[in-house]
Amino acid sequence: MSARTILVTIGLSAWLLASAVVFLIVSYTTFFGIAVIGLAICYVSTRFELDEDTSFLATRLQGGRDLPEEQRLAARHEQSLANQSARFFKLFGLGLAVIGLCGGLYYQL
């Protein structure tokens, strides 16, 4: 077996375990479980966004002027993609939280 096959197997096993945990959370807590998962996703994406901003600014201040134009543009492009991904997952988490809270409130009525 190759190393790639082993890594793919480990990754799929982790996804299976994570999906089982999410299924159990949602089945026992109904809509409020969806809200908790949404808040967790929002928290992780916000932390990622804040950590990336500080590390990027530190790198930019230290050696940004010494880099050639191509490397500065590549770094800026990577940062732009990371910010877009973090923003997407933050909005996705907020959406799940709103759906979970509204569904939970509706379920209680």
N, C-alpha and C. Protein backbone atom coordinates (compact mmCIF):
# COMPACT_ATOMS: atom_id res chain seq x y z
N MET A 1 0.83 -1.18 0.00
CA MET A 1 0.00 0.00 0.00
C MET A 1 0.88 1.24 0.00
N SER A 2 0.45 2.21 -0.74
CA SER A 2 1.22 3.44 -0.81
C SER A 2 0.85 4.37 0.35
N ALA A 3 1.69 5.35 0.54
CA ALA A 3 1.44 6.31 1.63
C ALA A 3 0.19 7.13 1.35
N ARG A 4 -0.07 7.41 0.09
CA ARG A 4 -1.25 8.19 -0.27
C ARG A 4 -2.52 7.45 0.10
N THR A 5 -2.57 6.15 -0.14
CA THR A 5 -3.73 5.35 0.19
C THR A 5 -3.98 5.34 1.70
N ILE A 6 -2.91 5.24 2.46
CA ILE A 6 -3.04 5.25 3.91
C ILE A 6 -3.55 6.59 4.40
N LEU A 7 -3.03 7.69 3.84
CA LEU A 7 -3.48 9.02 4.25
C LEU A 7 -4.93 9.27 3.88
N VAL A 8 -5.33 8.81 2.70
CA VAL A 8 -6.73 8.96 2.29
C VAL A 8 -7.64 8.16 3.22
N THR A 9 -7.22 6.97 3.59
CA THR A 9 -8.00 6.14 4.51
C THR A 9 -8.13 6.81 5.88
N ILE A 10 -7.05 7.39 6.37
CA ILE A 10 -7.09 8.08 7.65
C ILE A 10 -8.02 9.30 7.56
N GLY A 11 -7.93 10.04 6.46
CA GLY A 11 -8.79 11.20 6.27
C GLY A 11 -10.26 10.83 6.20
N LEU A 12 -10.58 9.79 5.46
CA LEU A 12 -11.97 9.36 5.36
C LEU A 12 -12.49 8.83 6.70
N SER A 13 -11.64 8.16 7.45
CA SER A 13 -12.04 7.68 8.77
C SER A 13 -12.32 8.85 9.71
N ALA A 14 -11.51 9.88 9.62
CA ALA A 14 -11.73 11.07 10.46
C ALA A 14 -13.04 11.75 10.08
N TRP A 15 -13.32 11.84 8.77
CA TRP A 15 -14.59 12.44 8.35
C TRP A 15 -15.78 11.60 8.82
N LEU A 16 -15.65 10.29 8.78
CA LEU A 16 -16.72 9.41 9.23
C LEU A 16 -16.96 9.59 10.73
N LEU A 17 -15.90 9.67 11.50
CA LEU A 17 -16.02 9.89 12.94
C LEU A 17 -16.65 11.26 13.24
N ALA A 18 -16.19 12.29 12.53
CA ALA A 18 -16.75 13.62 12.74
C ALA A 18 -18.21 13.67 12.36
N SER A 19 -18.60 13.04 11.28
CA SER A 19 -20.01 13.05 10.88
C SER A 19 -20.86 12.27 11.86
N ALA A 20 -20.34 11.20 12.45
CA ALA A 20 -21.09 10.46 13.46
C ALA A 20 -21.30 11.31 14.71
N VAL A 21 -20.28 12.06 15.11
CA VAL A 21 -20.40 12.94 16.28
C VAL A 21 -21.43 14.04 16.00
N VAL A 22 -21.37 14.63 14.83
CA VAL A 22 -22.34 15.68 14.47
C VAL A 22 -23.75 15.11 14.42
N PHE A 23 -23.90 13.92 13.88
CA PHE A 23 -25.21 13.29 13.82
C PHE A 23 -25.77 13.07 15.22
N LEU A 24 -24.94 12.61 16.14
CA LEU A 24 -25.39 12.39 17.51
C LEU A 24 -25.75 13.70 18.20
N ILE A 25 -24.95 14.73 17.98
CA ILE A 25 -25.26 16.04 18.59
C ILE A 25 -26.58 16.56 18.09
N VAL A 26 -26.78 16.51 16.78
CA VAL A 26 -28.02 17.05 16.21
C VAL A 26 -29.23 16.19 16.58
N SER A 27 -29.06 14.87 16.64
CA SER A 27 -30.20 14.02 16.97
C SER A 27 -30.63 14.18 18.42
N TYR A 28 -29.71 14.46 19.32
CA TYR A 28 -30.08 14.63 20.72
C TYR A 28 -30.50 16.05 21.08
N THR A 29 -30.02 17.04 20.36
CA THR A 29 -30.33 18.42 20.72
C THR A 29 -31.17 19.13 19.66
N THR A 30 -31.61 18.47 18.65
CA THR A 30 -32.42 18.99 17.54
C THR A 30 -31.80 20.25 16.95
N PHE A 31 -32.58 21.31 16.84
CA PHE A 31 -32.10 22.50 16.15
C PHE A 31 -31.01 23.23 16.92
N PHE A 32 -31.03 23.14 18.24
CA PHE A 32 -30.02 23.84 19.02
C PHE A 32 -28.62 23.24 18.79
N GLY A 33 -28.57 21.96 18.43
CA GLY A 33 -27.29 21.35 18.05
C GLY A 33 -26.74 21.96 16.77
N ILE A 34 -27.63 22.28 15.84
CA ILE A 34 -27.21 22.94 14.61
C ILE A 34 -26.66 24.33 14.93
N ALA A 35 -27.30 25.02 15.86
CA ALA A 35 -26.82 26.35 16.26
C ALA A 35 -25.44 26.26 16.91
N VAL A 36 -25.22 25.25 17.74
CA VAL A 36 -23.92 25.09 18.39
C VAL A 36 -22.84 24.78 17.37
N ILE A 37 -23.15 23.92 16.41
CA ILE A 37 -22.18 23.60 15.36
C ILE A 37 -21.87 24.85 14.53
N GLY A 38 -22.89 25.64 14.22
CA GLY A 38 -22.69 26.88 13.48
C GLY A 38 -21.80 27.86 14.24
N LEU A 39 -22.03 27.98 15.54
CA LEU A 39 -21.19 28.86 16.35
C LEU A 39 -19.75 28.36 16.41
N ALA A 40 -19.57 27.05 16.46
CA ALA A 40 -18.21 26.49 16.48
C ALA A 40 -17.49 26.78 15.17
N ILE A 41 -18.19 26.63 14.05
CA ILE A 41 -17.59 26.93 12.74
C ILE A 41 -17.24 28.41 12.65
N CYS A 42 -18.13 29.25 13.13
CA CYS A 42 -17.89 30.70 13.11
C CYS A 42 -16.69 31.06 13.97
N TYR A 43 -16.57 30.44 15.14
CA TYR A 43 -15.44 30.71 16.04
C TYR A 43 -14.11 30.30 15.40
N VAL A 44 -14.07 29.11 14.82
CA VAL A 44 -12.83 28.63 14.21
C VAL A 44 -12.43 29.51 13.03
N SER A 45 -13.38 29.89 12.20
CA SER A 45 -13.04 30.72 11.04
C SER A 45 -12.60 32.11 11.46
N THR A 46 -13.18 32.65 12.52
CA THR A 46 -12.75 33.95 13.02
C THR A 46 -11.34 33.89 13.58
N ARG A 47 -11.05 32.83 14.33
CA ARG A 47 -9.69 32.65 14.86
C ARG A 47 -8.67 32.51 13.72
N PHE A 48 -9.04 31.76 12.69
CA PHE A 48 -8.16 31.59 11.55
C PHE A 48 -7.91 32.93 10.86
N GLU A 49 -8.95 33.71 10.70
CA GLU A 49 -8.83 35.00 10.05
C GLU A 49 -7.96 35.95 10.86
N LEU A 50 -8.13 35.96 12.17
CA LEU A 50 -7.32 36.84 13.01
C LEU A 50 -5.86 36.40 13.06
N ASP A 51 -5.61 35.10 13.12
CA ASP A 51 -4.24 34.62 13.14
C ASP A 51 -3.54 34.90 11.82
N GLU A 52 -4.25 34.73 10.72
CA GLU A 52 -3.65 34.99 9.42
C GLU A 52 -3.32 36.47 9.25
N ASP A 53 -4.20 37.34 9.72
CA ASP A 53 -3.96 38.78 9.58
C ASP A 53 -2.72 39.20 10.35
N THR A 54 -2.57 38.72 11.56
CA THR A 54 -1.42 39.14 12.37
C THR A 54 -0.12 38.59 11.80
N SER A 55 -0.12 37.32 11.37
CA SER A 55 1.12 36.76 10.83
C SER A 55 1.47 37.41 9.49
N PHE A 56 0.44 37.72 8.69
CA PHE A 56 0.71 38.35 7.41
C PHE A 56 1.25 39.76 7.61
N LEU A 57 0.67 40.50 8.56
CA LEU A 57 1.16 41.85 8.81
C LEU A 57 2.58 41.85 9.36
N ALA A 58 2.89 40.90 10.22
CA ALA A 58 4.24 40.82 10.76
C ALA A 58 5.24 40.51 9.65
N THR A 59 4.90 39.58 8.78
CA THR A 59 5.78 39.24 7.66
C THR A 59 5.93 40.42 6.71
N ARG A 60 4.84 41.09 6.48
CA ARG A 60 4.85 42.22 5.55
C ARG A 60 5.70 43.37 6.09
N LEU A 61 5.59 43.63 7.38
CA LEU A 61 6.38 44.71 7.96
C LEU A 61 7.86 44.38 8.01
N GLN A 62 8.21 43.12 8.26
CA GLN A 62 9.60 42.74 8.39
C GLN A 62 10.33 42.72 7.05
N GLY A 63 9.78 42.06 6.08
CA GLY A 63 10.54 41.90 4.85
C GLY A 63 9.76 42.14 3.59
N GLY A 64 8.67 42.86 3.68
CA GLY A 64 7.84 43.07 2.50
C GLY A 64 8.50 43.91 1.44
N ARG A 65 9.32 44.83 1.85
CA ARG A 65 9.96 45.70 0.86
C ARG A 65 11.13 45.03 0.17
N ASP A 66 11.69 44.01 0.79
CA ASP A 66 12.84 43.33 0.21
C ASP A 66 12.44 42.30 -0.85
N LEU A 67 11.18 41.90 -0.86
CA LEU A 67 10.73 40.88 -1.79
C LEU A 67 10.55 41.47 -3.19
N PRO A 68 10.77 40.66 -4.20
CA PRO A 68 10.47 41.10 -5.57
C PRO A 68 8.95 41.28 -5.75
N GLU A 69 8.60 41.99 -6.77
CA GLU A 69 7.19 42.31 -7.04
C GLU A 69 6.34 41.05 -7.22
N GLU A 70 6.89 40.03 -7.89
CA GLU A 70 6.14 38.79 -8.14
C GLU A 70 5.79 38.09 -6.83
N GLN A 71 6.74 38.03 -5.90
CA GLN A 71 6.48 37.36 -4.64
C GLN A 71 5.50 38.14 -3.77
N ARG A 72 5.57 39.46 -3.83
CA ARG A 72 4.60 40.26 -3.09
C ARG A 72 3.19 40.05 -3.63
N LEU A 73 3.07 40.01 -4.96
CA LEU A 73 1.75 39.77 -5.55
C LEU A 73 1.23 38.37 -5.24
N ALA A 74 2.12 37.38 -5.24
CA ALA A 74 1.72 36.01 -4.90
C ALA A 74 1.26 35.92 -3.45
N ALA A 75 1.99 36.59 -2.55
CA ALA A 75 1.59 36.59 -1.14
C ALA A 75 0.26 37.30 -0.95
N ARG A 76 0.06 38.39 -1.65
CA ARG A 76 -1.20 39.13 -1.55
C ARG A 76 -2.36 38.28 -2.09
N HIS A 77 -2.11 37.55 -3.18
CA HIS A 77 -3.14 36.68 -3.75
C HIS A 77 -3.49 35.55 -2.78
N GLU A 78 -2.50 34.92 -2.17
CA GLU A 78 -2.76 33.86 -1.20
C GLU A 78 -3.55 34.40 -0.01
N GLN A 79 -3.20 35.58 0.45
CA GLN A 79 -3.91 36.18 1.57
C GLN A 79 -5.35 36.50 1.18
N SER A 80 -5.57 36.92 -0.05
CA SER A 80 -6.91 37.22 -0.52
C SER A 80 -7.77 35.95 -0.54
N LEU A 81 -7.19 34.85 -1.02
CA LEU A 81 -7.93 33.58 -1.05
C LEU A 81 -8.24 33.09 0.35
N ALA A 82 -7.29 33.23 1.26
CA ALA A 82 -7.52 32.81 2.65
C ALA A 82 -8.61 33.65 3.29
N ASN A 83 -8.62 34.94 3.04
CA ASN A 83 -9.66 35.81 3.59
C ASN A 83 -11.03 35.48 3.02
N GLN A 84 -11.10 35.16 1.73
CA GLN A 84 -12.38 34.80 1.13
C GLN A 84 -12.91 33.49 1.72
N SER A 85 -12.02 32.53 1.93
CA SER A 85 -12.44 31.26 2.53
C SER A 85 -12.91 31.46 3.96
N ALA A 86 -12.17 32.24 4.74
CA ALA A 86 -12.55 32.49 6.13
C ALA A 86 -13.88 33.22 6.20
N ARG A 87 -14.08 34.19 5.31
CA ARG A 87 -15.34 34.93 5.29
C ARG A 87 -16.51 34.01 4.92
N PHE A 88 -16.30 33.11 3.96
CA PHE A 88 -17.35 32.17 3.56
C PHE A 88 -17.75 31.29 4.74
N PHE A 89 -16.76 30.72 5.43
CA PHE A 89 -17.08 29.82 6.53
C PHE A 89 -17.65 30.57 7.73
N LYS A 90 -17.25 31.82 7.91
CA LYS A 90 -17.84 32.61 8.98
C LYS A 90 -19.32 32.86 8.70
N LEU A 91 -19.65 33.22 7.47
CA LEU A 91 -21.05 33.43 7.11
C LEU A 91 -21.84 32.11 7.13
N PHE A 92 -21.20 31.03 6.73
CA PHE A 92 -21.84 29.72 6.78
C PHE A 92 -22.16 29.34 8.22
N GLY A 93 -21.23 29.58 9.13
CA GLY A 93 -21.46 29.29 10.55
C GLY A 93 -22.55 30.16 11.13
N LEU A 94 -22.54 31.44 10.78
CA LEU A 94 -23.60 32.32 11.26
C LEU A 94 -24.96 31.90 10.71
N GLY A 95 -24.98 31.47 9.46
CA GLY A 95 -26.22 30.98 8.88
C GLY A 95 -26.75 29.75 9.59
N LEU A 96 -25.85 28.81 9.89
CA LEU A 96 -26.27 27.63 10.65
C LEU A 96 -26.78 28.01 12.04
N ALA A 97 -26.10 28.96 12.67
CA ALA A 97 -26.54 29.39 14.01
C ALA A 97 -27.93 30.01 13.94
N VAL A 98 -28.18 30.85 12.96
CA VAL A 98 -29.50 31.49 12.83
C VAL A 98 -30.56 30.44 12.52
N ILE A 99 -30.27 29.52 11.61
CA ILE A 99 -31.23 28.47 11.28
C ILE A 99 -31.51 27.61 12.51
N GLY A 100 -30.46 27.27 13.24
CA GLY A 100 -30.65 26.45 14.44
C GLY A 100 -31.45 27.14 15.51
N LEU A 101 -31.15 28.41 15.76
CA LEU A 101 -31.89 29.15 16.79
C LEU A 101 -33.34 29.38 16.39
N CYS A 102 -33.56 29.80 15.15
CA CYS A 102 -34.94 30.03 14.69
C CYS A 102 -35.73 28.72 14.65
N GLY A 103 -35.10 27.67 14.19
CA GLY A 103 -35.78 26.36 14.17
C GLY A 103 -36.08 25.86 15.57
N GLY A 104 -35.13 26.08 16.49
CA GLY A 104 -35.36 25.67 17.87
C GLY A 104 -36.50 26.43 18.52
N LEU A 105 -36.54 27.75 18.26
CA LEU A 105 -37.63 28.55 18.80
C LEU A 105 -38.98 28.15 18.20
N TYR A 106 -38.98 27.89 16.89
CA TYR A 106 -40.21 27.46 16.23
C TYR A 106 -40.66 26.08 16.75
N TYR A 107 -39.69 25.21 16.99
CA TYR A 107 -39.99 23.88 17.50
C TYR A 107 -40.59 23.94 18.90
N GLN A 108 -40.17 24.93 19.69
CA GLN A 108 -40.69 25.08 21.05
C GLN A 108 -42.11 25.64 21.07
N LEU A 109 -42.47 26.34 20.02
CA LEU A 109 -43.84 26.90 19.97
C LEU A 109 -44.76 25.82 19.55
